[in-house]
C-alpha atoms as a PDB file:
ATOM      1  CA  UNK A   1      89.051  56.916  53.486  1.00  0.00           C
ATOM      2  CA  UNK A   2      90.701  54.884  50.694  1.00  0.00           C
ATOM      3  CA  UNK A   3      94.375  53.879  50.679  1.00  0.00           C
ATOM      4  CA  UNK A   4      96.635  55.578  48.105  1.00  0.00           C
ATOM      5  CA  UNK A   5      99.939  53.879  47.496  1.00  0.00           C
ATOM      6  CA  UNK A   6     102.859  56.278  47.028  1.00  0.00           C
ATOM      7  CA  UNK A   7     103.877  56.947  43.469  1.00  0.00           C
ATOM      8  CA  UNK A   8     106.893  54.916  42.424  1.00  0.00           C
ATOM      9  CA  UNK A   9     109.887  57.024  41.217  1.00  0.00           C
ATOM     10  CA  UNK A  10     110.494  56.573  37.510  1.00  0.00           C
ATOM     11  CA  UNK A  11     113.139  54.012  36.694  1.00  0.00           C
ATOM     12  CA  UNK A  12     114.460  56.029  33.743  1.00  0.00           C
ATOM     13  CA  UNK A  13     114.632  59.824  33.810  1.00  0.00           C
ATOM     14  CA  UNK A  14     116.215  62.384  31.540  1.00  0.00           C
ATOM     15  CA  UNK A  15     116.236  65.871  33.040  1.00  0.00           C
ATOM     16  CA  UNK A  16     118.305  69.036  33.292  1.00  0.00           C
ATOM     17  CA  UNK A  17     121.246  68.714  35.519  1.00  0.00           C
ATOM     18  CA  UNK A  18     121.665  70.720  38.748  1.00  0.00           C
ATOM     19  CA  UNK A  19     124.884  71.529  40.645  1.00  0.00           C
ATOM     20  CA  UNK A  20     123.842  68.717  43.005  1.00  0.00           C
ATOM     21  CA  UNK A  21     124.621  66.214  40.182  1.00  0.00           C
ATOM     22  CA  UNK A  22     128.272  67.303  40.165  1.00  0.00           C
ATOM     23  CA  UNK A  23     129.632  64.380  42.189  1.00  0.00           C
ATOM     24  CA  UNK A  24     127.796  61.768  40.118  1.00  0.00           C
ATOM     25  CA  UNK A  25     128.800  63.371  36.794  1.00  0.00           C
ATOM     26  CA  UNK A  26     132.411  63.876  37.957  1.00  0.00           C
ATOM     27  CA  UNK A  27     132.551  60.163  38.888  1.00  0.00           C
ATOM     28  CA  UNK A  28     131.662  59.379  35.247  1.00  0.00           C
ATOM     29  CA  UNK A  29     134.105  61.886  33.910  1.00  0.00           C
ATOM     30  CA  UNK A  30     137.159  61.071  36.046  1.00  0.00           C
ATOM     31  CA  UNK A  31     138.205  57.868  34.191  1.00  0.00           C
ATOM     32  CA  UNK A  32     137.972  59.737  30.851  1.00  0.00           C
ATOM     33  CA  UNK A  33     140.552  62.195  32.280  1.00  0.00           C
ATOM     34  CA  UNK A  34     142.830  59.681  34.006  1.00  0.00           C
ATOM     35  CA  UNK A  35     142.778  56.779  31.539  1.00  0.00           C
ATOM     36  CA  UNK A  36     141.951  58.084  28.061  1.00  0.00           C
ATOM     37  CA  UNK A  37     142.642  60.832  25.595  1.00  0.00           C
ATOM     38  CA  UNK A  38     138.926  61.241  24.842  1.00  0.00           C
ATOM     39  CA  UNK A  39     139.169  64.511  26.837  1.00  0.00           C
ATOM     40  CA  UNK A  40     142.340  66.454  26.843  1.00  0.00           C
ATOM     41  CA  UNK A  41     141.788  67.657  30.332  1.00  0.00           C
ATOM     42  CA  UNK A  42     144.692  66.388  32.472  1.00  0.00           C
ATOM     43  CA  UNK A  43     143.731  67.238  36.100  1.00  0.00           C
ATOM     44  CA  UNK A  44     140.527  66.009  37.774  1.00  0.00           C
ATOM     45  CA  UNK A  45     138.516  69.052  38.977  1.00  0.00           C
ATOM     46  CA  UNK A  46     137.016  69.205  42.441  1.00  0.00           C
ATOM     47  CA  UNK A  47     133.304  68.550  42.892  1.00  0.00           C
ATOM     48  CA  UNK A  48     132.828  72.233  43.645  1.00  0.00           C
ATOM     49  CA  UNK A  49     134.543  73.232  40.508  1.00  0.00           C
ATOM     50  CA  UNK A  50     132.417  70.749  38.536  1.00  0.00           C
ATOM     51  CA  UNK A  51     129.238  72.026  40.074  1.00  0.00           C
ATOM     52  CA  UNK A  52     130.249  75.579  38.987  1.00  0.00           C
ATOM     53  CA  UNK A  53     130.733  74.281  35.516  1.00  0.00           C
ATOM     54  CA  UNK A  54     127.207  72.844  35.445  1.00  0.00           C
ATOM     55  CA  UNK A  55     125.808  76.101  36.818  1.00  0.00           C
ATOM     56  CA  UNK A  56     127.673  78.203  34.163  1.00  0.00           C
ATOM     57  CA  UNK A  57     126.587  75.927  31.357  1.00  0.00           C
ATOM     58  CA  UNK A  58     122.927  76.040  32.377  1.00  0.00           C
ATOM     59  CA  UNK A  59     122.817  79.835  32.157  1.00  0.00           C
ATOM     60  CA  UNK A  60     122.907  79.412  28.370  1.00  0.00           C
ATOM     61  CA  UNK A  61     123.041  75.738  27.271  1.00  0.00           C
ATOM     62  CA  UNK A  62     121.295  72.524  28.246  1.00  0.00           C
ATOM     63  CA  UNK A  63     123.184  70.044  30.468  1.00  0.00           C
ATOM     64  CA  UNK A  64     121.186  66.854  30.627  1.00  0.00           C
ATOM     65  CA  UNK A  65     121.549  63.791  32.878  1.00  0.00           C
ATOM     66  CA  UNK A  66     120.131  60.330  32.233  1.00  0.00           C
ATOM     67  CA  UNK A  67     119.172  58.586  35.545  1.00  0.00           C
ATOM     68  CA  UNK A  68     118.447  54.873  35.567  1.00  0.00           C
ATOM     69  CA  UNK A  69     117.197  53.328  38.794  1.00  0.00           C
ATOM     70  CA  UNK A  70     118.447  56.309  40.686  1.00  0.00           C
ATOM     71  CA  UNK A  71     121.968  56.235  39.208  1.00  0.00           C
ATOM     72  CA  UNK A  72     123.298  58.869  36.862  1.00  0.00           C
ATOM     73  CA  UNK A  73     124.104  56.714  33.828  1.00  0.00           C
ATOM     74  CA  UNK A  74     125.340  59.489  31.600  1.00  0.00           C
ATOM     75  CA  UNK A  75     125.311  63.144  30.783  1.00  0.00           C
ATOM     76  CA  UNK A  76     125.415  65.446  27.723  1.00  0.00           C
ATOM     77  CA  UNK A  77     125.836  69.170  27.406  1.00  0.00           C
ATOM     78  CA  UNK A  78     126.675  71.915  25.008  1.00  0.00           C
ATOM     79  CA  UNK A  79     129.306  74.656  25.241  1.00  0.00           C
ATOM     80  CA  UNK A  80     130.352  77.764  23.221  1.00  0.00           C
ATOM     81  CA  UNK A  81     132.098  77.053  19.993  1.00  0.00           C
ATOM     82  CA  UNK A  82     133.952  80.276  20.444  1.00  0.00           C
ATOM     83  CA  UNK A  83     133.603  83.262  22.698  1.00  0.00           C
ATOM     84  CA  UNK A  84     133.539  85.822  19.769  1.00  0.00           C
ATOM     85  CA  UNK A  85     130.096  87.310  19.231  1.00  0.00           C
ATOM     86  CA  UNK A  86     129.767  86.156  15.603  1.00  0.00           C
ATOM     87  CA  UNK A  87     130.014  82.454  16.671  1.00  0.00           C
ATOM     88  CA  UNK A  88     127.056  82.575  19.070  1.00  0.00           C
ATOM     89  CA  UNK A  89     124.883  80.548  16.724  1.00  0.00           C
ATOM     90  CA  UNK A  90     127.246  77.629  16.886  1.00  0.00           C
ATOM     91  CA  UNK A  91     127.912  75.312  19.774  1.00  0.00           C
ATOM     92  CA  UNK A  92     130.056  72.328  20.844  1.00  0.00           C
ATOM     93  CA  UNK A  93     128.594  69.101  22.232  1.00  0.00           C
ATOM     94  CA  UNK A  94     129.809  66.385  24.507  1.00  0.00           C
ATOM     95  CA  UNK A  95     128.427  63.196  26.036  1.00  0.00           C
ATOM     96  CA  UNK A  96     129.925  60.893  28.684  1.00  0.00           C
ATOM     97  CA  UNK A  97     128.476  57.506  29.966  1.00  0.00           C
ATOM     98  CA  UNK A  98     129.115  55.461  33.032  1.00  0.00           C
ATOM     99  CA  UNK A  99     131.116  52.312  32.169  1.00  0.00           C
ATOM    100  CA  UNK A 100     128.084  50.130  33.065  1.00  0.00           C
ATOM    101  CA  UNK A 101     125.963  51.751  30.458  1.00  0.00           C
ATOM    102  CA  UNK A 102     128.226  51.686  27.405  1.00  0.00           C
ATOM    103  CA  UNK A 103     126.395  49.830  24.577  1.00  0.00           C
ATOM    104  CA  UNK A 104     123.069  49.915  26.290  1.00  0.00           C
ATOM    105  CA  UNK A 105     121.496  52.296  23.878  1.00  0.00           C
ATOM    106  CA  UNK A 106     121.115  55.305  26.114  1.00  0.00           C
ATOM    107  CA  UNK A 107     123.547  57.629  24.359  1.00  0.00           C
ATOM    108  CA  UNK A 108     121.487  58.228  21.240  1.00  0.00           C
ATOM    109  CA  UNK A 109     118.171  59.491  22.885  1.00  0.00           C
ATOM    110  CA  UNK A 110     120.119  61.538  25.436  1.00  0.00           C
ATOM    111  CA  UNK A 111     122.243  63.182  22.785  1.00  0.00           C
ATOM    112  CA  UNK A 112     119.249  63.665  20.467  1.00  0.00           C
ATOM    113  CA  UNK A 113     117.272  65.406  23.267  1.00  0.00           C
ATOM    114  CA  UNK A 114     120.248  67.829  23.716  1.00  0.00           C
ATOM    115  CA  UNK A 115     120.219  68.598  19.980  1.00  0.00           C
ATOM    116  CA  UNK A 116     116.384  69.127  19.907  1.00  0.00           C
ATOM    117  CA  UNK A 117     116.721  71.614  22.809  1.00  0.00           C
ATOM    118  CA  UNK A 118     119.522  73.502  21.052  1.00  0.00           C
ATOM    119  CA  UNK A 119     117.416  73.601  17.889  1.00  0.00           C
ATOM    120  CA  UNK A 120     114.499  75.086  19.770  1.00  0.00           C
ATOM    121  CA  UNK A 121     116.769  77.678  21.345  1.00  0.00           C
ATOM    122  CA  UNK A 122     117.815  78.773  17.870  1.00  0.00           C
ATOM    123  CA  UNK A 123     121.367  77.372  17.458  1.00  0.00           C
ATOM    124  CA  UNK A 124     122.215  76.794  13.836  1.00  0.00           C
ATOM    125  CA  UNK A 125     125.292  74.484  13.826  1.00  0.00           C
ATOM    126  CA  UNK A 126     126.781  71.986  16.283  1.00  0.00           C
ATOM    127  CA  UNK A 127     130.319  70.603  16.371  1.00  0.00           C
ATOM    128  CA  UNK A 128     131.738  67.453  17.912  1.00  0.00           C
ATOM    129  CA  UNK A 129     135.451  66.896  18.464  1.00  0.00           C
ATOM    130  CA  UNK A 130     136.502  63.205  18.586  1.00  0.00           C
ATOM    131  CA  UNK A 131     139.989  61.991  19.569  1.00  0.00           C
ATOM    132  CA  UNK A 132     140.771  59.321  17.068  1.00  0.00           C
ATOM    133  CA  UNK A 133     140.526  56.367  16.833  1.00  0.00           C
ATOM    134  CA  UNK A 134     137.132  56.147  18.545  1.00  0.00           C
ATOM    135  CA  UNK A 135     134.776  54.072  16.426  1.00  0.00           C
ATOM    136  CA  UNK A 136     131.864  54.012  18.837  1.00  0.00           C
ATOM    137  CA  UNK A 137     131.767  57.780  19.090  1.00  0.00           C
ATOM    138  CA  UNK A 138     132.154  58.238  15.334  1.00  0.00           C
ATOM    139  CA  UNK A 139     129.214  55.832  14.754  1.00  0.00           C
ATOM    140  CA  UNK A 140     127.090  57.587  17.291  1.00  0.00           C
ATOM    141  CA  UNK A 141     127.613  61.035  15.875  1.00  0.00           C
ATOM    142  CA  UNK A 142     127.174  59.933  12.219  1.00  0.00           C
ATOM    143  CA  UNK A 143     123.998  58.032  13.035  1.00  0.00           C
ATOM    144  CA  UNK A 144     122.722  61.335  14.441  1.00  0.00           C
ATOM    145  CA  UNK A 145     123.475  63.209  11.239  1.00  0.00           C
ATOM    146  CA  UNK A 146     126.939  64.506  11.863  1.00  0.00           C
ATOM    147  CA  UNK A 147     129.270  64.781   8.871  1.00  0.00           C
ATOM    148  CA  UNK A 148     133.161  64.763   9.256  1.00  0.00           C
ATOM    149  CA  UNK A 149     134.983  67.702   7.744  1.00  0.00           C
ATOM    150  CA  UNK A 150     138.582  67.679   8.953  1.00  0.00           C
ATOM    151  CA  UNK A 151     141.208  65.946  11.114  1.00  0.00           C
ATOM    152  CA  UNK A 152     143.949  67.702  13.041  1.00  0.00           C
ATOM    153  CA  UNK A 153     147.059  65.512  13.269  1.00  0.00           C
ATOM    154  CA  UNK A 154     149.340  65.808  16.317  1.00  0.00           C
ATOM    155  CA  UNK A 155     147.080  68.411  17.914  1.00  0.00           C
ATOM    156  CA  UNK A 156     147.434  67.272  21.552  1.00  0.00           C
ATOM    157  CA  UNK A 157     149.891  65.274  23.632  1.00  0.00           C
ATOM    158  CA  UNK A 158     148.444  62.980  26.318  1.00  0.00           C
ATOM    159  CA  UNK A 159     149.254  59.559  27.792  1.00  0.00           C
ATOM    160  CA  UNK A 160     152.692  59.619  26.207  1.00  0.00           C
ATOM    161  CA  UNK A 161     151.539  60.045  22.669  1.00  0.00           C
ATOM    162  CA  UNK A 162     150.598  62.670  20.135  1.00  0.00           C
ATOM    163  CA  UNK A 163     146.852  62.634  19.549  1.00  0.00           C
ATOM    164  CA  UNK A 164     144.717  63.314  16.431  1.00  0.00           C
ATOM    165  CA  UNK A 165     141.314  64.942  16.608  1.00  0.00           C
ATOM    166  CA  UNK A 166     138.540  64.755  14.125  1.00  0.00           C
ATOM    167  CA  UNK A 167     135.844  67.442  13.691  1.00  0.00           C
ATOM    168  CA  UNK A 168     132.235  66.587  12.867  1.00  0.00           C
ATOM    169  CA  UNK A 169     129.409  69.027  12.079  1.00  0.00           C
ATOM    170  CA  UNK A 170     125.618  68.957  12.318  1.00  0.00           C
ATOM    171  CA  UNK A 171     123.465  71.693  10.972  1.00  0.00           C
ATOM    172  CA  UNK A 172     120.480  72.168  13.209  1.00  0.00           C
ATOM    173  CA  UNK A 173     118.539  74.632  11.072  1.00  0.00           C
ATOM    174  CA  UNK A 174     118.866  76.912   8.057  1.00  0.00           C
ATOM    175  CA  UNK A 175     121.021  80.053   7.927  1.00  0.00           C
ATOM    176  CA  UNK A 176     118.770  83.157   7.254  1.00  0.00           C
ATOM    177  CA  UNK A 177     119.994  86.637   7.094  1.00  0.00           C
ATOM    178  CA  UNK A 178     119.741  88.517  10.372  1.00  0.00           C
ATOM    179  CA  UNK A 179     118.985  85.420  12.531  1.00  0.00           C
ATOM    180  CA  UNK A 180     117.527  85.977  15.979  1.00  0.00           C
ATOM    181  CA  UNK A 181     119.860  85.358  18.881  1.00  0.00           C
ATOM    182  CA  UNK A 182     119.625  81.936  20.481  1.00  0.00           C
ATOM    183  CA  UNK A 183     117.373  81.843  23.588  1.00  0.00           C
ATOM    184  CA  UNK A 184     119.216  81.033  26.835  1.00  0.00           C
ATOM    185  CA  UNK A 185     118.211  77.567  28.015  1.00  0.00           C
ATOM    186  CA  UNK A 186     116.307  78.856  31.147  1.00  0.00           C
ATOM    187  CA  UNK A 187     114.078  80.942  28.840  1.00  0.00           C
ATOM    188  CA  UNK A 188     112.749  77.935  26.845  1.00  0.00           C
ATOM    189  CA  UNK A 189     109.059  77.144  27.349  1.00  0.00           C
ATOM    190  CA  UNK A 190     108.850  74.459  30.025  1.00  0.00           C
ATOM    191  CA  UNK A 191     106.153  72.541  28.022  1.00  0.00           C
ATOM    192  CA  UNK A 192     108.589  72.321  25.016  1.00  0.00           C
ATOM    193  CA  UNK A 193     111.333  71.080  27.228  1.00  0.00           C
ATOM    194  CA  UNK A 194     109.094  68.598  28.876  1.00  0.00           C
ATOM    195  CA  UNK A 195     107.850  67.101  25.575  1.00  0.00           C
ATOM    196  CA  UNK A 196     111.447  66.697  24.241  1.00  0.00           C
ATOM    197  CA  UNK A 197     112.612  65.039  27.470  1.00  0.00           C
ATOM    198  CA  UNK A 198     109.570  62.764  27.630  1.00  0.00           C
ATOM    199  CA  UNK A 199     110.202  61.509  24.124  1.00  0.00           C
ATOM    200  CA  UNK A 200     113.775  60.825  25.031  1.00  0.00           C
ATOM    201  CA  UNK A 201     112.740  58.900  28.143  1.00  0.00           C
ATOM    202  CA  UNK A 202     110.497  56.651  26.095  1.00  0.00           C
ATOM    203  CA  UNK A 203     113.285  55.914  23.607  1.00  0.00           C
ATOM    204  CA  UNK A 204     115.689  55.154  26.411  1.00  0.00           C
ATOM    205  CA  UNK A 205     113.181  52.815  28.047  1.00  0.00           C
ATOM    206  CA  UNK A 206     112.749  51.006  24.700  1.00  0.00           C
ATOM    207  CA  UNK A 207     116.566  50.754  24.349  1.00  0.00           C
ATOM    208  CA  UNK A 208     116.830  49.248  27.822  1.00  0.00           C
ATOM    209  CA  UNK A 209     113.976  46.828  27.177  1.00  0.00           C
ATOM    210  CA  UNK A 210     111.726  48.345  29.739  1.00  0.00           C
ATOM    211  CA  UNK A 211     108.894  49.329  27.323  1.00  0.00           C
END
């Protein structure tokens, strides 16, 4: 009988999150809460609460994690633009990276995969809120096609200062009359999801110099 070596785990993986990723994602998110105004959240949630957020998100929207050498390097997810029924074709998007992976080129393919999934689901428009100034975030969103459309001055108070927030918009598709409702993320064809994530993994590997 021949010897078969065990398959090596992939060094780079982009996949849907699970509640088991909550601790790793929260470890990335915590400094954004405690040290920045990038998020307006003020209190660090528990791991259990964060796991529940992931689970709620995945019932409708993608929540993706990028794993590099076994470590969650970043995550991106979508959320409702507004709970009113007429807004259900629009979504908000967010991305957070581990400090060690800033500037490594993983944000763009991770975010683009999220947008491709939302497009396949049938979402029509996507919005990003950016606390200003934040030149890296602005560059990332605009390179991915977002356009700025307004800035709210003195809209939030955090870290002892009034904060300003810019809004950016990306149209994912056209706007037909009587559009079909977006598909919940779990109802997407697994082959379509796999192709989108595989392409994002390749782009991430290229960015990290591993391909």
